[in-house]
């Protein structure tokens, strides 16, 4: 009988967002798969979880997937966590999930913190229909093209970006979409310095030009 793959959500900042079920799951699996060994070990140690660890990231995804799949085929229980939040969103692991499905291995999601959903519900925008766009290209010319391609989408739009590219991204957004588009910047969610800005694209760019805003964030844009 094959094992079980658990997709375990962990906190995005505030450690109180770690659910009892998630804790129990990690305490009872045979192997914990982490994105980066150092971060994963730090989190497990914080919660007094002593389990074998396997690293799975963009550098070793193919080989690690095969190794982890073999552990599952042998009937063991494996938990996948990311550095923070819910696994697979802008994180490695999709290949493992697809392989598990192909091999008819049971997959169990353990829900919890998600920066995407947290940002979405505080945006004030219509969330009956929304589009998770994820990451724009780091190359400026390609990013501009992507922005023009989706500028007329009617659905609420979820965008992720690295902290150091926020200002340059918003410069491109204003050029492509104008200054009046409503936007919500959700910064350092669940942490002491959490910041929620409900504003316009033009006003946000002005603020970013005047102030240094640093941290992990999600951008939510209102549909046209």
C-alpha atoms as a PDB file:
ATOM      1  CA  UNK A   1       0.000   0.000   0.000  1.00  0.00           C
ATOM      2  CA  UNK A   2       1.393   3.422  -0.981  1.00  0.00           C
ATOM      3  CA  UNK A   3       1.933   6.224   1.492  1.00  0.00           C
ATOM      4  CA  UNK A   4       0.381   9.666   1.830  1.00  0.00           C
ATOM      5  CA  UNK A   5       1.649  13.058   0.680  1.00  0.00           C
ATOM      6  CA  UNK A   6       0.565  15.917   2.943  1.00  0.00           C
ATOM      7  CA  UNK A   7       0.704  19.509   1.664  1.00  0.00           C
ATOM      8  CA  UNK A   8       1.084  21.429   4.912  1.00  0.00           C
ATOM      9  CA  UNK A   9       0.530  25.168   5.245  1.00  0.00           C
ATOM     10  CA  UNK A  10       2.758  26.948   7.769  1.00  0.00           C
ATOM     11  CA  UNK A  11       2.717  30.572   9.037  1.00  0.00           C
ATOM     12  CA  UNK A  12       3.566  33.490   6.747  1.00  0.00           C
ATOM     13  CA  UNK A  13       4.911  35.491   9.674  1.00  0.00           C
ATOM     14  CA  UNK A  14       2.925  35.181  12.878  1.00  0.00           C
ATOM     15  CA  UNK A  15       3.692  31.798  14.446  1.00  0.00           C
ATOM     16  CA  UNK A  16       0.267  31.680  16.098  1.00  0.00           C
ATOM     17  CA  UNK A  17      -1.163  30.917  12.648  1.00  0.00           C
ATOM     18  CA  UNK A  18       0.278  27.381  12.825  1.00  0.00           C
ATOM     19  CA  UNK A  19      -2.751  25.118  13.258  1.00  0.00           C
ATOM     20  CA  UNK A  20      -2.913  22.153  15.679  1.00  0.00           C
ATOM     21  CA  UNK A  21      -3.695  19.852  12.738  1.00  0.00           C
ATOM     22  CA  UNK A  22      -0.629  21.047  10.821  1.00  0.00           C
ATOM     23  CA  UNK A  23       1.547  20.512  13.895  1.00  0.00           C
ATOM     24  CA  UNK A  24       0.125  17.031  14.478  1.00  0.00           C
ATOM     25  CA  UNK A  25       0.678  16.112  10.835  1.00  0.00           C
ATOM     26  CA  UNK A  26       4.340  17.113  10.882  1.00  0.00           C
ATOM     27  CA  UNK A  27       4.844  15.233  14.139  1.00  0.00           C
ATOM     28  CA  UNK A  28       3.518  12.013  12.638  1.00  0.00           C
ATOM     29  CA  UNK A  29       5.056  11.793   9.165  1.00  0.00           C
ATOM     30  CA  UNK A  30       8.188   9.861   8.236  1.00  0.00           C
ATOM     31  CA  UNK A  31       9.772  12.644   6.175  1.00  0.00           C
ATOM     32  CA  UNK A  32       9.410  16.413   5.875  1.00  0.00           C
ATOM     33  CA  UNK A  33      10.216  17.964   2.488  1.00  0.00           C
ATOM     34  CA  UNK A  34      11.389  21.584   2.684  1.00  0.00           C
ATOM     35  CA  UNK A  35      12.254  24.255   0.134  1.00  0.00           C
ATOM     36  CA  UNK A  36      15.507  25.344   1.793  1.00  0.00           C
ATOM     37  CA  UNK A  37      17.152  23.144   4.432  1.00  0.00           C
ATOM     38  CA  UNK A  38      18.208  25.988   6.740  1.00  0.00           C
ATOM     39  CA  UNK A  39      14.773  27.647   6.821  1.00  0.00           C
ATOM     40  CA  UNK A  40      12.945  24.343   7.096  1.00  0.00           C
ATOM     41  CA  UNK A  41      15.126  23.071   9.933  1.00  0.00           C
ATOM     42  CA  UNK A  42      14.729  26.372  11.790  1.00  0.00           C
ATOM     43  CA  UNK A  43      10.931  26.128  11.597  1.00  0.00           C
ATOM     44  CA  UNK A  44      10.826  22.485  12.656  1.00  0.00           C
ATOM     45  CA  UNK A  45      13.187  23.134  15.580  1.00  0.00           C
ATOM     46  CA  UNK A  46      11.020  26.067  16.687  1.00  0.00           C
ATOM     47  CA  UNK A  47       8.068  23.696  16.941  1.00  0.00           C
ATOM     48  CA  UNK A  48      10.098  20.827  18.467  1.00  0.00           C
ATOM     49  CA  UNK A  49       9.603  18.579  15.445  1.00  0.00           C
ATOM     50  CA  UNK A  50      12.430  16.104  14.939  1.00  0.00           C
ATOM     51  CA  UNK A  51      12.016  14.400  11.578  1.00  0.00           C
ATOM     52  CA  UNK A  52      14.250  13.487   8.632  1.00  0.00           C
ATOM     53  CA  UNK A  53      14.410  16.357   6.134  1.00  0.00           C
ATOM     54  CA  UNK A  54      14.660  16.302   2.349  1.00  0.00           C
ATOM     55  CA  UNK A  55      15.341  19.476   0.382  1.00  0.00           C
ATOM     56  CA  UNK A  56      13.335  20.127  -2.784  1.00  0.00           C
ATOM     57  CA  UNK A  57      13.843  23.316  -4.784  1.00  0.00           C
ATOM     58  CA  UNK A  58      14.451  24.569  -8.318  1.00  0.00           C
ATOM     59  CA  UNK A  59      18.040  23.294  -8.216  1.00  0.00           C
ATOM     60  CA  UNK A  60      17.246  19.635  -7.507  1.00  0.00           C
ATOM     61  CA  UNK A  61      13.530  19.251  -8.190  1.00  0.00           C
ATOM     62  CA  UNK A  62      13.797  16.430 -10.712  1.00  0.00           C
ATOM     63  CA  UNK A  63      16.106  14.156  -8.708  1.00  0.00           C
ATOM     64  CA  UNK A  64      14.468  14.925  -5.349  1.00  0.00           C
ATOM     65  CA  UNK A  65      11.007  14.237  -6.768  1.00  0.00           C
ATOM     66  CA  UNK A  66      12.096  10.741  -7.814  1.00  0.00           C
ATOM     67  CA  UNK A  67      13.631  10.053  -4.394  1.00  0.00           C
ATOM     68  CA  UNK A  68      10.576  11.309  -2.492  1.00  0.00           C
ATOM     69  CA  UNK A  69       8.233   9.411  -4.791  1.00  0.00           C
ATOM     70  CA  UNK A  70      10.063   6.197  -3.962  1.00  0.00           C
ATOM     71  CA  UNK A  71       9.565   6.891  -0.242  1.00  0.00           C
ATOM     72  CA  UNK A  72       5.834   7.316  -0.884  1.00  0.00           C
ATOM     73  CA  UNK A  73       5.639   4.150  -2.983  1.00  0.00           C
ATOM     74  CA  UNK A  74       7.229   2.274  -0.049  1.00  0.00           C
ATOM     75  CA  UNK A  75       4.194   3.250   2.028  1.00  0.00           C
ATOM     76  CA  UNK A  76       5.590   6.068   4.122  1.00  0.00           C
ATOM     77  CA  UNK A  77       4.018   9.408   5.008  1.00  0.00           C
ATOM     78  CA  UNK A  78       5.609  12.571   3.627  1.00  0.00           C
ATOM     79  CA  UNK A  79       4.830  16.226   4.387  1.00  0.00           C
ATOM     80  CA  UNK A  80       5.707  19.035   1.983  1.00  0.00           C
ATOM     81  CA  UNK A  81       6.150  22.555   3.366  1.00  0.00           C
ATOM     82  CA  UNK A  82       7.421  25.754   1.759  1.00  0.00           C
ATOM     83  CA  UNK A  83       9.507  28.453   3.452  1.00  0.00           C
ATOM     84  CA  UNK A  84       6.235  30.081   4.513  1.00  0.00           C
ATOM     85  CA  UNK A  85       2.516  29.863   3.833  1.00  0.00           C
ATOM     86  CA  UNK A  86       0.809  27.360   1.573  1.00  0.00           C
ATOM     87  CA  UNK A  87       3.005  25.104  -0.599  1.00  0.00           C
ATOM     88  CA  UNK A  88       3.202  25.320  -4.413  1.00  0.00           C
ATOM     89  CA  UNK A  89       2.209  29.003  -4.821  1.00  0.00           C
ATOM     90  CA  UNK A  90       5.351  30.387  -6.469  1.00  0.00           C
ATOM     91  CA  UNK A  91       7.225  27.530  -4.781  1.00  0.00           C
ATOM     92  CA  UNK A  92       8.546  24.173  -6.029  1.00  0.00           C
ATOM     93  CA  UNK A  93       6.549  20.997  -5.501  1.00  0.00           C
ATOM     94  CA  UNK A  94       4.213  20.796  -8.491  1.00  0.00           C
ATOM     95  CA  UNK A  95       6.296  18.066 -10.097  1.00  0.00           C
ATOM     96  CA  UNK A  96       6.038  15.999  -6.909  1.00  0.00           C
ATOM     97  CA  UNK A  97       2.265  16.446  -6.729  1.00  0.00           C
ATOM     98  CA  UNK A  98       1.865  15.500 -10.393  1.00  0.00           C
ATOM     99  CA  UNK A  99       4.025  12.398  -9.908  1.00  0.00           C
ATOM    100  CA  UNK A 100       1.994  11.403  -6.858  1.00  0.00           C
ATOM    101  CA  UNK A 101      -1.238  11.749  -8.849  1.00  0.00           C
ATOM    102  CA  UNK A 102       0.181   9.652 -11.694  1.00  0.00           C
ATOM    103  CA  UNK A 103       1.134   6.944  -9.217  1.00  0.00           C
ATOM    104  CA  UNK A 104      -2.248   7.069  -7.465  1.00  0.00           C
ATOM    105  CA  UNK A 105      -0.743   8.181  -4.186  1.00  0.00           C
ATOM    106  CA  UNK A 106      -3.144   9.832  -1.763  1.00  0.00           C
ATOM    107  CA  UNK A 107      -2.622  13.593  -1.365  1.00  0.00           C
ATOM    108  CA  UNK A 108      -3.997  15.450   1.664  1.00  0.00           C
ATOM    109  CA  UNK A 109      -4.021  19.269   1.898  1.00  0.00           C
ATOM    110  CA  UNK A 110      -3.562  20.693   5.397  1.00  0.00           C
ATOM    111  CA  UNK A 111      -4.887  24.269   5.082  1.00  0.00           C
ATOM    112  CA  UNK A 112      -3.582  27.289   6.910  1.00  0.00           C
ATOM    113  CA  UNK A 113      -2.044  30.701   6.331  1.00  0.00           C
ATOM    114  CA  UNK A 114      -1.967  32.142   2.814  1.00  0.00           C
ATOM    115  CA  UNK A 115      -0.688  35.612   1.945  1.00  0.00           C
ATOM    116  CA  UNK A 116      -2.694  35.534  -1.279  1.00  0.00           C
ATOM    117  CA  UNK A 117      -6.087  34.946   0.345  1.00  0.00           C
ATOM    118  CA  UNK A 118      -5.292  37.269   3.250  1.00  0.00           C
ATOM    119  CA  UNK A 119      -4.466  40.098   0.843  1.00  0.00           C
ATOM    120  CA  UNK A 120      -7.484  39.353  -1.304  1.00  0.00           C
ATOM    121  CA  UNK A 121     -10.030  39.658   1.495  1.00  0.00           C
ATOM    122  CA  UNK A 122      -8.675  42.995   2.780  1.00  0.00           C
ATOM    123  CA  UNK A 123      -8.536  44.565  -0.698  1.00  0.00           C
ATOM    124  CA  UNK A 124     -12.209  45.506  -0.733  1.00  0.00           C
ATOM    125  CA  UNK A 125     -12.432  44.400  -4.378  1.00  0.00           C
ATOM    126  CA  UNK A 126     -14.913  41.967  -5.900  1.00  0.00           C
ATOM    127  CA  UNK A 127     -13.615  38.464  -5.179  1.00  0.00           C
ATOM    128  CA  UNK A 128     -16.409  36.441  -6.769  1.00  0.00           C
ATOM    129  CA  UNK A 129     -14.009  36.089  -9.688  1.00  0.00           C
ATOM    130  CA  UNK A 130     -10.289  36.752  -9.483  1.00  0.00           C
ATOM    131  CA  UNK A 131      -7.147  35.866 -11.396  1.00  0.00           C
ATOM    132  CA  UNK A 132      -3.898  34.795  -9.789  1.00  0.00           C
ATOM    133  CA  UNK A 133      -1.340  36.142 -12.259  1.00  0.00           C
ATOM    134  CA  UNK A 134       1.676  35.545 -10.058  1.00  0.00           C
ATOM    135  CA  UNK A 135       4.994  36.967 -11.217  1.00  0.00           C
ATOM    136  CA  UNK A 136       5.732  39.267 -14.123  1.00  0.00           C
ATOM    137  CA  UNK A 137       8.942  38.798 -16.062  1.00  0.00           C
ATOM    138  CA  UNK A 138      12.029  40.366 -14.409  1.00  0.00           C
ATOM    139  CA  UNK A 139      12.972  41.673 -17.867  1.00  0.00           C
ATOM    140  CA  UNK A 140      11.536  45.166 -18.275  1.00  0.00           C
ATOM    141  CA  UNK A 141      10.515  44.950 -21.946  1.00  0.00           C
ATOM    142  CA  UNK A 142       8.777  41.610 -21.484  1.00  0.00           C
ATOM    143  CA  UNK A 143       7.074  42.886 -18.327  1.00  0.00           C
ATOM    144  CA  UNK A 144       5.709  45.915 -20.214  1.00  0.00           C
ATOM    145  CA  UNK A 145       4.285  43.613 -22.879  1.00  0.00           C
ATOM    146  CA  UNK A 146       2.656  41.413 -20.224  1.00  0.00           C
ATOM    147  CA  UNK A 147       1.060  44.446 -18.571  1.00  0.00           C
ATOM    148  CA  UNK A 148      -0.449  45.646 -21.828  1.00  0.00           C
ATOM    149  CA  UNK A 149      -1.781  42.167 -22.591  1.00  0.00           C
ATOM    150  CA  UNK A 150      -3.798  42.004 -19.351  1.00  0.00           C
ATOM    151  CA  UNK A 151      -4.690  45.673 -18.860  1.00  0.00           C
ATOM    152  CA  UNK A 152      -8.376  45.139 -19.743  1.00  0.00           C
ATOM    153  CA  UNK A 153      -9.034  42.088 -17.583  1.00  0.00           C
ATOM    154  CA  UNK A 154     -12.268  42.597 -15.663  1.00  0.00           C
ATOM    155  CA  UNK A 155     -11.414  40.331 -12.763  1.00  0.00           C
ATOM    156  CA  UNK A 156      -9.563  41.239  -9.585  1.00  0.00           C
ATOM    157  CA  UNK A 157      -5.880  40.529 -10.256  1.00  0.00           C
ATOM    158  CA  UNK A 158      -3.362  39.039  -7.793  1.00  0.00           C
ATOM    159  CA  UNK A 159       0.303  39.823  -8.426  1.00  0.00           C
ATOM    160  CA  UNK A 160       3.475  38.692  -6.645  1.00  0.00           C
ATOM    161  CA  UNK A 161       6.876  40.368  -6.939  1.00  0.00           C
ATOM    162  CA  UNK A 162      10.228  40.509  -5.157  1.00  0.00           C
ATOM    163  CA  UNK A 163      10.555  43.386  -2.646  1.00  0.00           C
ATOM    164  CA  UNK A 164      13.343  45.168  -4.535  1.00  0.00           C
ATOM    165  CA  UNK A 165      11.321  45.352  -7.779  1.00  0.00           C
ATOM    166  CA  UNK A 166       8.168  46.930  -6.333  1.00  0.00           C
ATOM    167  CA  UNK A 167       9.009  50.485  -7.389  1.00  0.00           C
ATOM    168  CA  UNK A 168      10.048  49.595 -10.948  1.00  0.00           C
ATOM    169  CA  UNK A 169       6.976  47.390 -11.319  1.00  0.00           C
ATOM    170  CA  UNK A 170       4.662  50.209 -10.273  1.00  0.00           C
ATOM    171  CA  UNK A 171       6.386  52.577 -12.725  1.00  0.00           C
ATOM    172  CA  UNK A 172       5.547  50.147 -15.510  1.00  0.00           C
ATOM    173  CA  UNK A 173       2.007  49.620 -14.178  1.00  0.00           C
ATOM    174  CA  UNK A 174       1.294  53.364 -14.265  1.00  0.00           C
ATOM    175  CA  UNK A 175       2.623  53.636 -17.819  1.00  0.00           C
ATOM    176  CA  UNK A 176       0.492  50.710 -18.991  1.00  0.00           C
ATOM    177  CA  UNK A 177      -2.666  51.158 -16.897  1.00  0.00           C
ATOM    178  CA  UNK A 178      -2.661  54.821 -15.866  1.00  0.00           C
ATOM    179  CA  UNK A 179      -2.838  56.419 -12.427  1.00  0.00           C
ATOM    180  CA  UNK A 180      -6.502  55.780 -11.527  1.00  0.00           C
ATOM    181  CA  UNK A 181      -6.593  51.985 -11.203  1.00  0.00           C
ATOM    182  CA  UNK A 182      -7.435  50.899  -7.663  1.00  0.00           C
ATOM    183  CA  UNK A 183      -4.790  48.798  -5.950  1.00  0.00           C
ATOM    184  CA  UNK A 184      -4.202  47.215  -2.545  1.00  0.00           C
ATOM    185  CA  UNK A 185      -0.676  46.684  -1.251  1.00  0.00           C
ATOM    186  CA  UNK A 186      -0.567  44.094   1.544  1.00  0.00           C
ATOM    187  CA  UNK A 187       2.860  44.213   3.183  1.00  0.00           C
ATOM    188  CA  UNK A 188       4.355  41.934   5.859  1.00  0.00           C
ATOM    189  CA  UNK A 189       1.019  40.283   6.517  1.00  0.00           C
ATOM    190  CA  UNK A 190       0.377  38.913  10.044  1.00  0.00           C
ATOM    191  CA  UNK A 191       3.528  40.606  11.415  1.00  0.00           C
ATOM    192  CA  UNK A 192       3.867  43.551  13.807  1.00  0.00           C
ATOM    193  CA  UNK A 193       4.708  45.955  10.984  1.00  0.00           C
ATOM    194  CA  UNK A 194       1.853  44.762   8.771  1.00  0.00           C
ATOM    195  CA  UNK A 195       0.746  47.479   6.348  1.00  0.00           C
ATOM    196  CA  UNK A 196      -2.404  47.507   4.197  1.00  0.00           C
ATOM    197  CA  UNK A 197      -2.621  50.327   1.652  1.00  0.00           C
ATOM    198  CA  UNK A 198      -5.869  50.741  -0.300  1.00  0.00           C
ATOM    199  CA  UNK A 199      -5.109  53.396  -2.886  1.00  0.00           C
ATOM    200  CA  UNK A 200      -4.631  54.077  -6.613  1.00  0.00           C
ATOM    201  CA  UNK A 201      -1.740  53.123  -8.857  1.00  0.00           C
ATOM    202  CA  UNK A 202      -0.648  56.756  -9.148  1.00  0.00           C
ATOM    203  CA  UNK A 203      -0.777  57.428  -5.408  1.00  0.00           C
ATOM    204  CA  UNK A 204       1.074  54.200  -4.621  1.00  0.00           C
ATOM    205  CA  UNK A 205       3.866  55.091  -7.042  1.00  0.00           C
ATOM    206  CA  UNK A 206       4.167  58.541  -5.442  1.00  0.00           C
ATOM    207  CA  UNK A 207       4.432  56.958  -1.983  1.00  0.00           C
ATOM    208  CA  UNK A 208       7.057  54.479  -3.138  1.00  0.00           C
ATOM    209  CA  UNK A 209       9.068  57.292  -4.696  1.00  0.00           C
ATOM    210  CA  UNK A 210       9.073  59.255  -1.427  1.00  0.00           C
ATOM    211  CA  UNK A 211       9.409  56.389   1.052  1.00  0.00           C
ATOM    212  CA  UNK A 212      11.374  53.159   1.278  1.00  0.00           C
ATOM    213  CA  UNK A 213       8.812  50.436   1.813  1.00  0.00           C
ATOM    214  CA  UNK A 214      10.463  47.105   2.481  1.00  0.00           C
ATOM    215  CA  UNK A 215       9.136  43.619   3.083  1.00  0.00           C
ATOM    216  CA  UNK A 216       7.230  40.724   1.561  1.00  0.00           C
ATOM    217  CA  UNK A 217       4.022  41.776  -0.137  1.00  0.00           C
ATOM    218  CA  UNK A 218       1.106  40.952  -2.402  1.00  0.00           C
ATOM    219  CA  UNK A 219      -0.479  43.390  -4.851  1.00  0.00           C
ATOM    220  CA  UNK A 220      -4.203  43.224  -5.590  1.00  0.00           C
ATOM    221  CA  UNK A 221      -5.495  45.236  -8.549  1.00  0.00           C
ATOM    222  CA  UNK A 222      -9.160  45.976  -9.141  1.00  0.00           C
ATOM    223  CA  UNK A 223     -10.566  44.710 -12.430  1.00  0.00           C
ATOM    224  CA  UNK A 224     -11.366  47.212 -15.153  1.00  0.00           C
END
